């Protein structure tokens, strides 16, 4: 893909809230590496409604992080504490002050 075509694809904004732009999750477009090898998100991406999901997908595509595993011990422990906290709040007696 030529540089002109890459830039025109990357600069295409999201047209509707529910739609992704054509550059969604493409690592070389949304977070290319600079000369030192550091990933740099593009300034044009800051105003995109899908920024967080797009960057997550791009970084996962590069193999730098793994997707979230709902069966991981950390997720199970966090789920336990969320349920416990919710139950504790629901059983809390009203304040009689």
Foldseek 3Di string as FASTA:
>chain_A
DDPVVLVVQLLDADPDLPDDGSCQQAQCRQWNADPVRHTDGDPSLPPHNCNVVRVVSNCVVVVNDPDDDCPDPVNVVVVVVVVVVVVCVVPDDDDPD
